Amino acid sequence: MTLSDHDKWVIEQYEADEEMMVLIFAQWCVNHQLDPVQLYEEAYPNQQANKLLQQVLEKTTEKNEAVDISTEVVLHVLQEFGNDDLAFVVQAQAETIHNKKSD
Protein backbone atom coordinates (compact mmCIF):
# COMPACT_ATOMS: atom_id res chain seq x y z
CA MET A 1 0.00 0.00 0.00
CA THR A 2 1.41 3.38 -0.95
CA LEU A 3 0.61 6.65 0.67
CA SER A 4 -0.97 9.44 -1.29
CA ASP A 5 0.61 12.87 -1.30
CA HIS A 6 -2.12 14.03 1.06
CA ASP A 7 -1.41 11.18 3.48
CA LYS A 8 2.29 12.01 3.43
CA TRP A 9 1.50 15.68 4.07
CA VAL A 10 -0.74 14.77 7.04
CA ILE A 11 2.01 12.60 8.52
CA GLU A 12 4.61 15.34 8.04
CA GLN A 13 2.33 17.90 9.70
CA TYR A 14 1.72 15.60 12.66
CA GLU A 15 5.45 14.97 13.07
CA ALA A 16 6.19 18.71 12.93
CA ASP A 17 3.47 19.40 15.49
CA GLU A 18 4.77 16.61 17.70
CA GLU A 19 8.26 18.06 17.56
CA MET A 20 6.89 21.48 18.56
CA MET A 21 5.05 19.89 21.50
CA VAL A 22 8.25 18.22 22.69
CA LEU A 23 10.19 21.47 22.26
CA ILE A 24 7.61 23.40 24.30
CA PHE A 25 7.85 20.79 27.06
CA ALA A 26 11.65 20.73 27.00
CA GLN A 27 11.97 24.52 27.01
CA TRP A 28 9.50 24.80 29.90
CA CYS A 29 11.69 22.36 31.82
CA VAL A 30 14.86 24.32 31.03
CA ASN A 31 13.12 27.55 32.05
CA HIS A 32 12.31 26.01 35.44
CA GLN A 33 15.69 24.30 35.85
CA LEU A 34 14.18 20.83 35.52
CA ASP A 35 15.55 17.85 33.62
CA PRO A 36 13.09 17.03 30.81
CA VAL A 37 14.48 13.51 30.40
CA GLN A 38 13.98 12.80 34.09
CA LEU A 39 10.39 14.09 34.01
CA TYR A 40 9.66 12.05 30.89
CA GLU A 41 11.05 8.92 32.54
CA GLU A 42 8.96 9.63 35.63
CA ALA A 43 5.83 9.82 33.49
CA TYR A 44 6.71 6.82 31.31
CA PRO A 45 9.03 4.58 33.35
CA ASN A 46 8.60 1.55 31.09
CA GLN A 47 9.41 3.28 27.81
CA GLN A 48 12.76 3.47 26.13
CA ALA A 49 14.57 6.78 25.85
CA ASN A 50 12.64 9.27 23.75
CA LYS A 51 14.79 9.94 20.68
CA LEU A 52 12.76 13.00 19.67
CA LEU A 53 13.26 14.52 23.12
CA GLN A 54 17.00 13.96 22.83
CA GLN A 55 17.04 15.69 19.43
CA VAL A 56 14.89 18.59 20.57
CA LEU A 57 17.05 19.28 23.62
CA GLU A 58 19.65 20.66 21.23
CA LYS A 59 17.11 23.31 20.14
CA THR A 60 16.36 24.63 23.61
CA THR A 61 17.91 27.88 24.77
CA GLU A 62 19.29 29.01 28.09
CA LYS A 63 16.68 30.19 30.58
CA ASN A 64 17.83 33.81 30.41
CA GLU A 65 17.50 33.81 26.59
CA ALA A 66 14.23 31.89 26.35
CA VAL A 67 10.68 33.04 25.91
CA ASP A 68 8.54 32.44 28.97
CA ILE A 69 6.23 29.46 28.48
CA SER A 70 3.30 29.21 30.84
CA THR A 71 2.46 25.96 32.56
CA GLU A 72 -1.03 26.18 31.09
CA VAL A 73 0.37 26.15 27.55
CA VAL A 74 2.57 23.13 28.29
CA LEU A 75 -0.31 21.23 29.86
CA HIS A 76 -2.63 22.04 26.97
CA VAL A 77 -0.13 20.96 24.33
CA LEU A 78 0.74 17.75 26.16
CA GLN A 79 -2.91 16.84 26.59
CA GLU A 80 -3.67 17.59 22.94
CA PHE A 81 -1.19 14.85 22.03
CA GLY A 82 -2.51 12.42 24.64
CA ASN A 83 0.46 12.79 26.98
CA ASP A 84 -1.73 12.89 30.06
CA ASP A 85 0.83 11.10 32.25
CA LEU A 86 3.48 13.66 31.36
CA ALA A 87 0.99 16.49 31.89
CA PHE A 88 0.33 15.09 35.38
CA VAL A 89 4.06 15.13 36.18
CA VAL A 90 4.41 18.68 34.82
CA GLN A 91 1.44 19.83 36.93
CA ALA A 92 2.99 18.31 40.05
CA GLN A 93 6.30 20.05 39.33
CA ALA A 94 4.52 23.34 38.69
CA GLU A 95 2.78 23.07 42.05
CA THR A 96 6.12 22.38 43.75
CA ILE A 97 7.64 25.42 42.02
CA HIS A 98 4.70 27.59 43.05
CA ASN A 99 4.87 26.39 46.66
CA LYS A 100 8.61 27.17 46.84
CA LYS A 101 7.95 30.72 45.60
CA SER A 102 5.24 31.14 48.23
CA ASP A 103 7.56 30.23 51.09
PDB file of N, CA and C in Angstrom:
ATOM      1  N   MET A   1       0.843  -1.178   0.000  1.00  0.00           N
ATOM      2  CA  MET A   1       0.000   0.000   0.000  1.00  0.00           C
ATOM      3  C   MET A   1       0.886   1.239   0.000  1.00  0.00           C
ATOM      4  N   THR A   2       0.628   2.145  -0.888  1.00  0.00           N
ATOM      5  CA  THR A   2       1.406   3.377  -0.949  1.00  0.00           C
ATOM      6  C   THR A   2       0.580   4.527  -0.409  1.00  0.00           C
ATOM      7  N   LEU A   3       1.276   5.480   0.121  1.00  0.00           N
ATOM      8  CA  LEU A   3       0.607   6.647   0.674  1.00  0.00           C
ATOM      9  C   LEU A   3       0.419   7.698  -0.408  1.00  0.00           C
ATOM     10  N   SER A   4      -0.729   8.339  -0.364  1.00  0.00           N
ATOM     11  CA  SER A   4      -0.965   9.442  -1.288  1.00  0.00           C
ATOM     12  C   SER A   4      -0.178  10.658  -0.823  1.00  0.00           C
ATOM     13  N   ASP A   5      -0.073  11.638  -1.677  1.00  0.00           N
ATOM     14  CA  ASP A   5       0.615  12.873  -1.295  1.00  0.00           C
ATOM     15  C   ASP A   5      -0.067  13.521  -0.102  1.00  0.00           C
ATOM     16  N   HIS A   6      -1.382  13.449  -0.068  1.00  0.00           N
ATOM     17  CA  HIS A   6      -2.123  14.032   1.057  1.00  0.00           C
ATOM     18  C   HIS A   6      -1.794  13.299   2.351  1.00  0.00           C
ATOM     19  N   ASP A   7      -1.753  11.967   2.295  1.00  0.00           N
ATOM     20  CA  ASP A   7      -1.410  11.180   3.483  1.00  0.00           C
ATOM     21  C   ASP A   7      -0.013  11.522   3.980  1.00  0.00           C
ATOM     22  N   LYS A   8       0.917  11.648   3.059  1.00  0.00           N
ATOM     23  CA  LYS A   8       2.289  12.014   3.427  1.00  0.00           C
ATOM     24  C   LYS A   8       2.321  13.387   4.072  1.00  0.00           C
ATOM     25  N   TRP A   9       1.564  14.323   3.524  1.00  0.00           N
ATOM     26  CA  TRP A   9       1.501  15.679   4.075  1.00  0.00           C
ATOM     27  C   TRP A   9       0.940  15.653   5.494  1.00  0.00           C
ATOM     28  N   VAL A  10      -0.128  14.879   5.713  1.00  0.00           N
ATOM     29  CA  VAL A  10      -0.737  14.771   7.039  1.00  0.00           C
ATOM     30  C   VAL A  10       0.274  14.216   8.035  1.00  0.00           C
ATOM     31  N   ILE A  11       0.994  13.196   7.641  1.00  0.00           N
ATOM     32  CA  ILE A  11       2.009  12.598   8.522  1.00  0.00           C
ATOM     33  C   ILE A  11       3.110  13.601   8.830  1.00  0.00           C
ATOM     34  N   GLU A  12       3.566  14.326   7.831  1.00  0.00           N
ATOM     35  CA  GLU A  12       4.608  15.338   8.036  1.00  0.00           C
ATOM     36  C   GLU A  12       4.126  16.432   8.973  1.00  0.00           C
ATOM     37  N   GLN A  13       2.887  16.863   8.822  1.00  0.00           N
ATOM     38  CA  GLN A  13       2.328  17.901   9.699  1.00  0.00           C
ATOM     39  C   GLN A  13       2.255  17.404  11.141  1.00  0.00           C
ATOM     40  N   TYR A  14       1.813  16.170  11.319  1.00  0.00           N
ATOM     41  CA  TYR A  14       1.723  15.596  12.661  1.00  0.00           C
ATOM     42  C   TYR A  14       3.103  15.525  13.301  1.00  0.00           C
ATOM     43  N   GLU A  15       4.080  15.072  12.539  1.00  0.00           N
ATOM     44  CA  GLU A  15       5.446  14.967  13.072  1.00  0.00           C
ATOM     45  C   GLU A  15       6.004  16.336  13.434  1.00  0.00           C
ATOM     46  N   ALA A  16       5.724  17.348  12.625  1.00  0.00           N
ATOM     47  CA  ALA A  16       6.192  18.706  12.925  1.00  0.00           C
ATOM     48  C   ALA A  16       5.505  19.228  14.184  1.00  0.00           C
ATOM     49  N   ASP A  17       4.205  18.971  14.308  1.00  0.00           N
ATOM     50  CA  ASP A  17       3.467  19.404  15.492  1.00  0.00           C
ATOM     51  C   ASP A  17       3.957  18.674  16.737  1.00  0.00           C
ATOM     52  N   GLU A  18       4.249  17.391  16.579  1.00  0.00           N
ATOM     53  CA  GLU A  18       4.767  16.607  17.702  1.00  0.00           C
ATOM     54  C   GLU A  18       6.119  17.157  18.157  1.00  0.00           C
ATOM     55  N   GLU A  19       6.964  17.495  17.210  1.00  0.00           N
ATOM     56  CA  GLU A  19       8.263  18.064  17.561  1.00  0.00           C
ATOM     57  C   GLU A  19       8.087  19.386  18.303  1.00  0.00           C
ATOM     58  N   MET A  20       7.145  20.201  17.875  1.00  0.00           N
ATOM     59  CA  MET A  20       6.888  21.475  18.561  1.00  0.00           C
ATOM     60  C   MET A  20       6.390  21.227  19.980  1.00  0.00           C
ATOM     61  N   MET A  21       5.538  20.229  20.162  1.00  0.00           N
ATOM     62  CA  MET A  21       5.048  19.888  21.496  1.00  0.00           C
ATOM     63  C   MET A  21       6.208  19.487  22.402  1.00  0.00           C
ATOM     64  N   VAL A  22       7.104  18.662  21.904  1.00  0.00           N
ATOM     65  CA  VAL A  22       8.252  18.217  22.693  1.00  0.00           C
ATOM     66  C   VAL A  22       9.168  19.400  22.998  1.00  0.00           C
ATOM     67  N   LEU A  23       9.350  20.286  22.035  1.00  0.00           N
ATOM     68  CA  LEU A  23      10.185  21.468  22.258  1.00  0.00           C
ATOM     69  C   LEU A  23       9.578  22.380  23.321  1.00  0.00           C
ATOM     70  N   ILE A  24       8.279  22.572  23.289  1.00  0.00           N
ATOM     71  CA  ILE A  24       7.607  23.397  24.302  1.00  0.00           C
ATOM     72  C   ILE A  24       7.813  22.787  25.686  1.00  0.00           C
ATOM     73  N   PHE A  25       7.631  21.481  25.782  1.00  0.00           N
ATOM     74  CA  PHE A  25       7.848  20.793  27.058  1.00  0.00           C
ATOM     75  C   PHE A  25       9.289  20.945  27.527  1.00  0.00           C
ATOM     76  N   ALA A  26      10.233  20.681  26.626  1.00  0.00           N
ATOM     77  CA  ALA A  26      11.652  20.733  26.996  1.00  0.00           C
ATOM     78  C   ALA A  26      12.065  22.138  27.405  1.00  0.00           C
ATOM     79  N   GLN A  27      11.602  23.148  26.676  1.00  0.00           N
ATOM     80  CA  GLN A  27      11.975  24.519  27.010  1.00  0.00           C
ATOM     81  C   GLN A  27      11.356  24.938  28.336  1.00  0.00           C
ATOM     82  N   TRP A  28      10.130  24.515  28.609  1.00  0.00           N
ATOM     83  CA  TRP A  28       9.501  24.805  29.900  1.00  0.00           C
ATOM     84  C   TRP A  28      10.363  24.212  31.021  1.00  0.00           C
ATOM     85  N   CYS A  29      10.829  22.989  30.819  1.00  0.00           N
ATOM     86  CA  CYS A  29      11.694  22.356  31.820  1.00  0.00           C
ATOM     87  C   CYS A  29      12.973  23.158  32.023  1.00  0.00           C
ATOM     88  N   VAL A  30      13.627  23.529  30.936  1.00  0.00           N
ATOM     89  CA  VAL A  30      14.859  24.322  31.025  1.00  0.00           C
ATOM     90  C   VAL A  30      14.579  25.631  31.760  1.00  0.00           C
ATOM     91  N   ASN A  31      13.475  26.274  31.427  1.00  0.00           N
ATOM     92  CA  ASN A  31      13.123  27.552  32.051  1.00  0.00           C
ATOM     93  C   ASN A  31      12.914  27.422  33.559  1.00  0.00           C
ATOM     94  N   HIS A  32      12.545  26.229  34.008  1.00  0.00           N
ATOM     95  CA  HIS A  32      12.313  26.006  35.441  1.00  0.00           C
ATOM     96  C   HIS A  32      13.406  25.149  36.074  1.00  0.00           C
ATOM     97  N   GLN A  33      14.531  25.039  35.366  1.00  0.00           N
ATOM     98  CA  GLN A  33      15.691  24.298  35.850  1.00  0.00           C
ATOM     99  C   GLN A  33      15.344  22.856  36.229  1.00  0.00           C
ATOM    100  N   LEU A  34      14.559  22.225  35.353  1.00  0.00           N
ATOM    101  CA  LEU A  34      14.176  20.833  35.525  1.00  0.00           C
ATOM    102  C   LEU A  34      14.768  20.016  34.384  1.00  0.00           C
ATOM    103  N   ASP A  35      14.999  18.754  34.627  1.00  0.00           N
ATOM    104  CA  ASP A  35      15.549  17.852  33.620  1.00  0.00           C
ATOM    105  C   ASP A  35      14.390  17.226  32.843  1.00  0.00           C
ATOM    106  N   PRO A  36      14.207  17.583  31.572  1.00  0.00           N
ATOM    107  CA  PRO A  36      13.092  17.030  30.809  1.00  0.00           C
ATOM    108  C   PRO A  36      13.155  15.512  30.643  1.00  0.00           C
ATOM    109  N   VAL A  37      14.343  14.968  30.540  1.00  0.00           N
ATOM    110  CA  VAL A  37      14.483  13.514  30.403  1.00  0.00           C
ATOM    111  C   VAL A  37      14.019  12.831  31.681  1.00  0.00           C
ATOM    112  N   GLN A  38      14.391  13.373  32.809  1.00  0.00           N
ATOM    113  CA  GLN A  38      13.979  12.798  34.089  1.00  0.00           C
ATOM    114  C   GLN A  38      12.457  12.857  34.250  1.00  0.00           C
ATOM    115  N   LEU A  39      11.842  13.989  33.891  1.00  0.00           N
ATOM    116  CA  LEU A  39      10.388  14.095  34.008  1.00  0.00           C
ATOM    117  C   LEU A  39       9.697  13.123  33.060  1.00  0.00           C
ATOM    118  N   TYR A  40      10.232  12.990  31.852  1.00  0.00           N
ATOM    119  CA  TYR A  40       9.663  12.051  30.887  1.00  0.00           C
ATOM    120  C   TYR A  40       9.738  10.628  31.424  1.00  0.00           C
ATOM    121  N   GLU A  41      10.878  10.266  31.983  1.00  0.00           N
ATOM    122  CA  GLU A  41      11.049   8.918  32.539  1.00  0.00           C
ATOM    123  C   GLU A  41      10.138   8.692  33.743  1.00  0.00           C
ATOM    124  N   GLU A  42       9.884   9.752  34.499  1.00  0.00           N
ATOM    125  CA  GLU A  42       8.960   9.633  35.629  1.00  0.00           C
ATOM    126  C   GLU A  42       7.544   9.353  35.128  1.00  0.00           C
ATOM    127  N   ALA A  43       7.170  10.009  34.044  1.00  0.00           N
ATOM    128  CA  ALA A  43       5.825   9.815  33.486  1.00  0.00           C
ATOM    129  C   ALA A  43       5.685   8.474  32.779  1.00  0.00           C
ATOM    130  N   TYR A  44       6.743   8.044  32.119  1.00  0.00           N
ATOM    131  CA  TYR A  44       6.711   6.823  31.313  1.00  0.00           C
ATOM    132  C   TYR A  44       7.894   5.922  31.672  1.00  0.00           C
ATOM    133  N   PRO A  45       7.864   5.337  32.869  1.00  0.00           N
ATOM    134  CA  PRO A  45       9.025   4.576  33.346  1.00  0.00           C
ATOM    135  C   PRO A  45       9.338   3.315  32.538  1.00  0.00           C
ATOM    136  N   ASN A  46       8.384   2.797  31.822  1.00  0.00           N
ATOM    137  CA  ASN A  46       8.602   1.547  31.093  1.00  0.00           C
ATOM    138  C   ASN A  46       8.939   1.757  29.626  1.00  0.00           C
ATOM    139  N   GLN A  47       9.072   2.997  29.211  1.00  0.00           N
ATOM    140  CA  GLN A  47       9.411   3.276  27.815  1.00  0.00           C
ATOM    141  C   GLN A  47      10.908   3.467  27.655  1.00  0.00           C
ATOM    142  N   GLN A  48      11.359   3.219  26.445  1.00  0.00           N
ATOM    143  CA  GLN A  48      12.761   3.470  26.127  1.00  0.00           C
ATOM    144  C   GLN A  48      12.983   4.971  26.038  1.00  0.00           C
ATOM    145  N   ALA A  49      14.227   5.367  25.971  1.00  0.00           N
ATOM    146  CA  ALA A  49      14.573   6.783  25.852  1.00  0.00           C
ATOM    147  C   ALA A  49      13.853   7.380  24.640  1.00  0.00           C
ATOM    148  N   ASN A  50      13.363   8.583  24.814  1.00  0.00           N
ATOM    149  CA  ASN A  50      12.637   9.265  23.746  1.00  0.00           C
ATOM    150  C   ASN A  50      13.650   9.943  22.826  1.00  0.00           C
ATOM    151  N   LYS A  51      13.806   9.413  21.622  1.00  0.00           N
ATOM    152  CA  LYS A  51      14.790   9.945  20.678  1.00  0.00           C
ATOM    153  C   LYS A  51      14.450  11.368  20.253  1.00  0.00           C
ATOM    154  N   LEU A  52      13.166  11.645  20.073  1.00  0.00           N
ATOM    155  CA  LEU A  52      12.765  12.996  19.671  1.00  0.00           C
ATOM    156  C   LEU A  52      13.115  14.000  20.772  1.00  0.00           C
ATOM    157  N   LEU A  53      12.899  13.633  22.010  1.00  0.00           N
ATOM    158  CA  LEU A  53      13.258  14.516  23.118  1.00  0.00           C
ATOM    159  C   LEU A  53      14.755  14.793  23.108  1.00  0.00           C
ATOM    160  N   GLN A  54      15.550  13.773  22.883  1.00  0.00           N
ATOM    161  CA  GLN A  54      16.999  13.961  22.831  1.00  0.00           C
ATOM    162  C   GLN A  54      17.383  14.935  21.714  1.00  0.00           C
ATOM    163  N   GLN A  55      16.747  14.804  20.553  1.00  0.00           N
ATOM    164  CA  GLN A  55      17.041  15.691  19.427  1.00  0.00           C
ATOM    165  C   GLN A  55      16.605  17.123  19.715  1.00  0.00           C
ATOM    166  N   VAL A  56      15.461  17.262  20.318  1.00  0.00           N
ATOM    167  CA  VAL A  56      14.895  18.591  20.568  1.00  0.00           C
ATOM    168  C   VAL A  56      15.672  19.339  21.648  1.00  0.00           C
ATOM    169  N   LEU A  57      16.284  18.618  22.563  1.00  0.00           N
ATOM    170  CA  LEU A  57      17.053  19.281  23.623  1.00  0.00           C
ATOM    171  C   LEU A  57      18.132  20.187  23.043  1.00  0.00           C
ATOM    172  N   GLU A  58      18.634  19.839  21.877  1.00  0.00           N
ATOM    173  CA  GLU A  58      19.649  20.659  21.228  1.00  0.00           C
ATOM    174  C   GLU A  58      19.074  22.000  20.746  1.00  0.00           C
ATOM    175  N   LYS A  59      17.757  22.091  20.629  1.00  0.00           N
ATOM    176  CA  LYS A  59      17.112  23.306  20.145  1.00  0.00           C
ATOM    177  C   LYS A  59      16.652  24.223  21.265  1.00  0.00           C
ATOM    178  N   THR A  60      16.762  23.763  22.500  1.00  0.00           N
ATOM    179  CA  THR A  60      16.362  24.630  23.610  1.00  0.00           C
ATOM    180  C   THR A  60      17.415  25.712  23.818  1.00  0.00           C
ATOM    181  N   THR A  61      16.995  26.791  24.475  1.00  0.00           N
ATOM    182  CA  THR A  61      17.915  27.880  24.767  1.00  0.00           C
ATOM    183  C   THR A  61      18.049  28.036  26.277  1.00  0.00           C
ATOM    184  N   GLU A  62      19.070  28.750  26.661  1.00  0.00           N
ATOM    185  CA  GLU A  62      19.285  29.012  28.087  1.00  0.00           C
ATOM    186  C   GLU A  62      18.081  29.772  28.646  1.00  0.00           C
ATOM    187  N   LYS A  63      17.833  29.586  29.917  1.00  0.00           N
ATOM    188  CA  LYS A  63      16.682  30.192  30.581  1.00  0.00           C
ATOM    189  C   LYS A  63      16.650  31.707  30.374  1.00  0.00           C
ATOM    190  N   ASN A  64      17.793  32.353  30.507  1.00  0.00           N
ATOM    191  CA  ASN A  64      17.832  33.813  30.407  1.00  0.00           C
ATOM    192  C   ASN A  64      17.632  34.314  28.981  1.00  0.00           C
ATOM    193  N   GLU A  65      17.705  33.435  27.978  1.00  0.00           N
ATOM    194  CA  GLU A  65      17.503  33.809  26.585  1.00  0.00           C
ATOM    195  C   GLU A  65      16.154  33.337  26.045  1.00  0.00           C
ATOM    196  N   ALA A  66      15.445  32.547  26.827  1.00  0.00           N
ATOM    197  CA  ALA A  66      14.227  31.887  26.347  1.00  0.00           C
ATOM    198  C   ALA A  66      12.985  32.745  26.555  1.00  0.00           C
ATOM    199  N   VAL A  67      12.006  32.457  25.747  1.00  0.00           N
ATOM    200  CA  VAL A  67      10.682  33.043  25.907  1.00  0.00           C
ATOM    201  C   VAL A  67       9.998  32.309  27.056  1.00  0.00           C
ATOM    202  N   ASP A  68       9.265  33.051  27.869  1.00  0.00           N
ATOM    203  CA  ASP A  68       8.535  32.437  28.965  1.00  0.00           C
ATOM    204  C   ASP A  68       7.406  31.576  28.398  1.00  0.00           C
ATOM    205  N   ILE A  69       7.289  30.372  28.889  1.00  0.00           N
ATOM    206  CA  ILE A  69       6.235  29.456  28.479  1.00  0.00           C
ATOM    207  C   ILE A  69       5.422  29.132  29.722  1.00  0.00           C
ATOM    208  N   SER A  70       4.134  29.438  29.664  1.00  0.00           N
ATOM    209  CA  SER A  70       3.296  29.207  30.837  1.00  0.00           C
ATOM    210  C   SER A  70       3.034  27.712  31.022  1.00  0.00           C
ATOM    211  N   THR A  71       2.793  27.350  32.240  1.00  0.00           N
ATOM    212  CA  THR A  71       2.463  25.961  32.556  1.00  0.00           C
ATOM    213  C   THR A  71       1.180  25.555  31.845  1.00  0.00           C
ATOM    214  N   GLU A  72       0.238  26.475  31.750  1.00  0.00           N
ATOM    215  CA  GLU A  72      -1.032  26.181  31.092  1.00  0.00           C
ATOM    216  C   GLU A  72      -0.820  25.787  29.632  1.00  0.00           C
ATOM    217  N   VAL A  73       0.087  26.477  28.953  1.00  0.00           N
ATOM    218  CA  VAL A  73       0.371  26.152  27.554  1.00  0.00           C
ATOM    219  C   VAL A  73       0.973  24.761  27.457  1.00  0.00           C
ATOM    220  N   VAL A  74       1.924  24.459  28.316  1.00  0.00           N
ATOM    221  CA  VAL A  74       2.567  23.133  28.287  1.00  0.00           C
ATOM    222  C   VAL A  74       1.525  22.043  28.534  1.00  0.00           C
ATOM    223  N   LEU A  75       0.703  22.240  29.543  1.00  0.00           N
ATOM    224  CA  LEU A  75      -0.311  21.235  29.864  1.00  0.00           C
ATOM    225  C   LEU A  75      -1.280  21.042  28.702  1.00  0.00           C
ATOM    226  N   HIS A  76      -1.705  22.118  28.094  1.00  0.00           N
ATOM    227  CA  HIS A  76      -2.635  22.040  26.970  1.00  0.00           C
ATOM    228  C   HIS A  76      -2.024  21.261  25.804  1.00  0.00           C
ATOM    229  N   VAL A  77      -0.802  21.614  25.455  1.00  0.00           N
ATOM    230  CA  VAL A  77      -0.135  20.960  24.328  1.00  0.00           C
ATOM    231  C   VAL A  77       0.090  19.473  24.614  1.00  0.00           C
ATOM    232  N   LEU A  78       0.522  19.154  25.812  1.00  0.00           N
ATOM    233  CA  LEU A  78       0.739  17.748  26.157  1.00  0.00           C
ATOM    234  C   LEU A  78      -0.563  16.956  26.083  1.00  0.00           C
ATOM    235  N   GLN A  79      -1.631  17.536  26.602  1.00  0.00           N
ATOM    236  CA  GLN A  79      -2.911  16.841  26.592  1.00  0.00           C
ATOM    237  C   GLN A  79      -3.471  16.704  25.184  1.00  0.00           C
ATOM    238  N   GLU A  80      -3.222  17.678  24.329  1.00  0.00           N
ATOM    239  CA  GLU A  80      -3.673  17.588  22.936  1.00  0.00           C
ATOM    240  C   GLU A  80      -3.060  16.372  22.240  1.00  0.00           C
ATOM    241  N   PHE A  81      -1.864  15.999  22.633  1.00  0.00           N
ATOM    242  CA  PHE A  81      -1.186  14.851  22.031  1.00  0.00           C
ATOM    243  C   PHE A  81      -1.372  13.576  22.857  1.00  0.00           C
ATOM    244  N   GLY A  82      -2.233  13.620  23.852  1.00  0.00           N
ATOM    245  CA  GLY A  82      -2.514  12.425  24.636  1.00  0.00           C
ATOM    246  C   GLY A  82      -1.450  12.071  25.649  1.00  0.00           C
ATOM    247  N   ASN A  83      -0.597  13.022  25.993  1.00  0.00           N
ATOM    248  CA  ASN A  83       0.461  12.787  26.977  1.00  0.00           C
ATOM    249  C   ASN A  83      -0.025  13.176  28.374  1.00  0.00           C
ATOM    250  N   ASP A  84      -1.113  12.550  28.776  1.00  0.00           N
ATOM    251  CA  ASP A  84      -1.727  12.889  30.056  1.00  0.00           C
ATOM    252  C   ASP A  84      -0.821  12.561  31.242  1.00  0.00           C
ATOM    253  N   ASP A  85      -0.075  11.461  31.154  1.00  0.00           N
ATOM    254  CA  ASP A  85       0.832  11.096  32.251  1.00  0.00           C
ATOM    255  C   ASP A  85       1.928  12.149  32.412  1.00  0.00           C
ATOM    256  N   LEU A  86       2.448  12.627  31.299  1.00  0.00           N
ATOM    257  CA  LEU A  86       3.479  13.659  31.358  1.00  0.00           C
ATOM    258  C   LEU A  86       2.881  14.976  31.839  1.00  0.00           C
ATOM    259  N   ALA A  87       1.670  15.275  31.415  1.00  0.00           N
ATOM    260  CA  ALA A  87       0.993  16.489  31.887  1.00  0.00           C
ATOM    261  C   ALA A  87       0.804  16.434  33.405  1.00  0.00           C
ATOM    262  N   PHE A  88       0.485  15.265  33.940  1.00  0.00           N
ATOM    263  CA  PHE A  88       0.325  15.091  35.379  1.00  0.00           C
ATOM    264  C   PHE A  88       1.637  15.386  36.107  1.00  0.00           C
ATOM    265  N   VAL A  89       2.745  14.889  35.574  1.00  0.00           N
ATOM    266  CA  VAL A  89       4.061  15.127  36.182  1.00  0.00           C
ATOM    267  C   VAL A  89       4.412  16.611  36.101  1.00  0.00           C
ATOM    268  N   VAL A  90       4.140  17.243  34.973  1.00  0.00           N
ATOM    269  CA  VAL A  90       4.405  18.681  34.818  1.00  0.00           C
ATOM    270  C   VAL A  90       3.576  19.475  35.827  1.00  0.00           C
ATOM    271  N   GLN A  91       2.304  19.121  35.969  1.00  0.00           N
ATOM    272  CA  GLN A  91       1.442  19.825  36.925  1.00  0.00           C
ATOM    273  C   GLN A  91       1.987  19.696  38.341  1.00  0.00           C
ATOM    274  N   ALA A  92       2.428  18.521  38.709  1.00  0.00           N
ATOM    275  CA  ALA A  92       2.993  18.309  40.047  1.00  0.00           C
ATOM    276  C   ALA A  92       4.243  19.161  40.244  1.00  0.00           C
ATOM    277  N   GLN A  93       5.096  19.225  39.235  1.00  0.00           N
ATOM    278  CA  GLN A  93       6.302  20.048  39.326  1.00  0.00           C
ATOM    279  C   GLN A  93       5.942  21.528  39.419  1.00  0.00           C
ATOM    280  N   ALA A  94       4.947  21.941  38.659  1.00  0.00           N
ATOM    281  CA  ALA A  94       4.518  23.343  38.688  1.00  0.00           C
ATOM    282  C   ALA A  94       3.998  23.716  40.071  1.00  0.00           C
ATOM    283  N   GLU A  95       3.274  22.816  40.692  1.00  0.00           N
ATOM    284  CA  GLU A  95       2.780  23.068  42.049  1.00  0.00           C
ATOM    285  C   GLU A  95       3.932  23.167  43.040  1.00  0.00           C
ATOM    286  N   THR A  96       4.933  22.328  42.889  1.00  0.00           N
ATOM    287  CA  THR A  96       6.117  22.383  43.746  1.00  0.00           C
ATOM    288  C   THR A  96       6.845  23.711  43.561  1.00  0.00           C
ATOM    289  N   ILE A  97       7.000  24.141  42.315  1.00  0.00           N
ATOM    290  CA  ILE A  97       7.641  25.420  42.025  1.00  0.00           C
ATOM    291  C   ILE A  97       6.859  26.568  42.652  1.00  0.00           C
ATOM    292  N   HIS A  98       5.559  26.538  42.497  1.00  0.00           N
ATOM    293  CA  HIS A  98       4.695  27.592  43.049  1.00  0.00           C
ATOM    294  C   HIS A  98       4.788  27.623  44.569  1.00  0.00           C
ATOM    295  N   ASN A  99       4.790  26.451  45.203  1.00  0.00           N
ATOM    296  CA  ASN A  99       4.872  26.395  46.658  1.00  0.00           C
ATOM    297  C   ASN A  99       6.218  26.914  47.175  1.00  0.00           C
ATOM    298  N   LYS A 100       7.296  26.664  46.431  1.00  0.00           N
ATOM    299  CA  LYS A 100       8.607  27.174  46.838  1.00  0.00           C
ATOM    300  C   LYS A 100       8.638  28.698  46.754  1.00  0.00           C
ATOM    301  N   LYS A 101       7.997  29.257  45.751  1.00  0.00           N
ATOM    302  CA  LYS A 101       7.955  30.719  45.601  1.00  0.00           C
ATOM    303  C   LYS A 101       7.120  31.357  46.697  1.00  0.00           C
ATOM    304  N   SER A 102       6.113  30.615  47.188  1.00  0.00           N
ATOM    305  CA  SER A 102       5.242  31.142  48.225  1.00  0.00           C
ATOM    306  C   SER A 102       5.894  31.161  49.594  1.00  0.00           C
ATOM    307  N   ASP A 103       6.898  30.313  49.774  1.00  0.00           N
ATOM    308  CA  ASP A 103       7.562  30.229  51.094  1.00  0.00           C
ATOM    309  C   ASP A 103       8.395  31.432  51.418  1.00  0.00           C
TER     310      ASP A 103
END
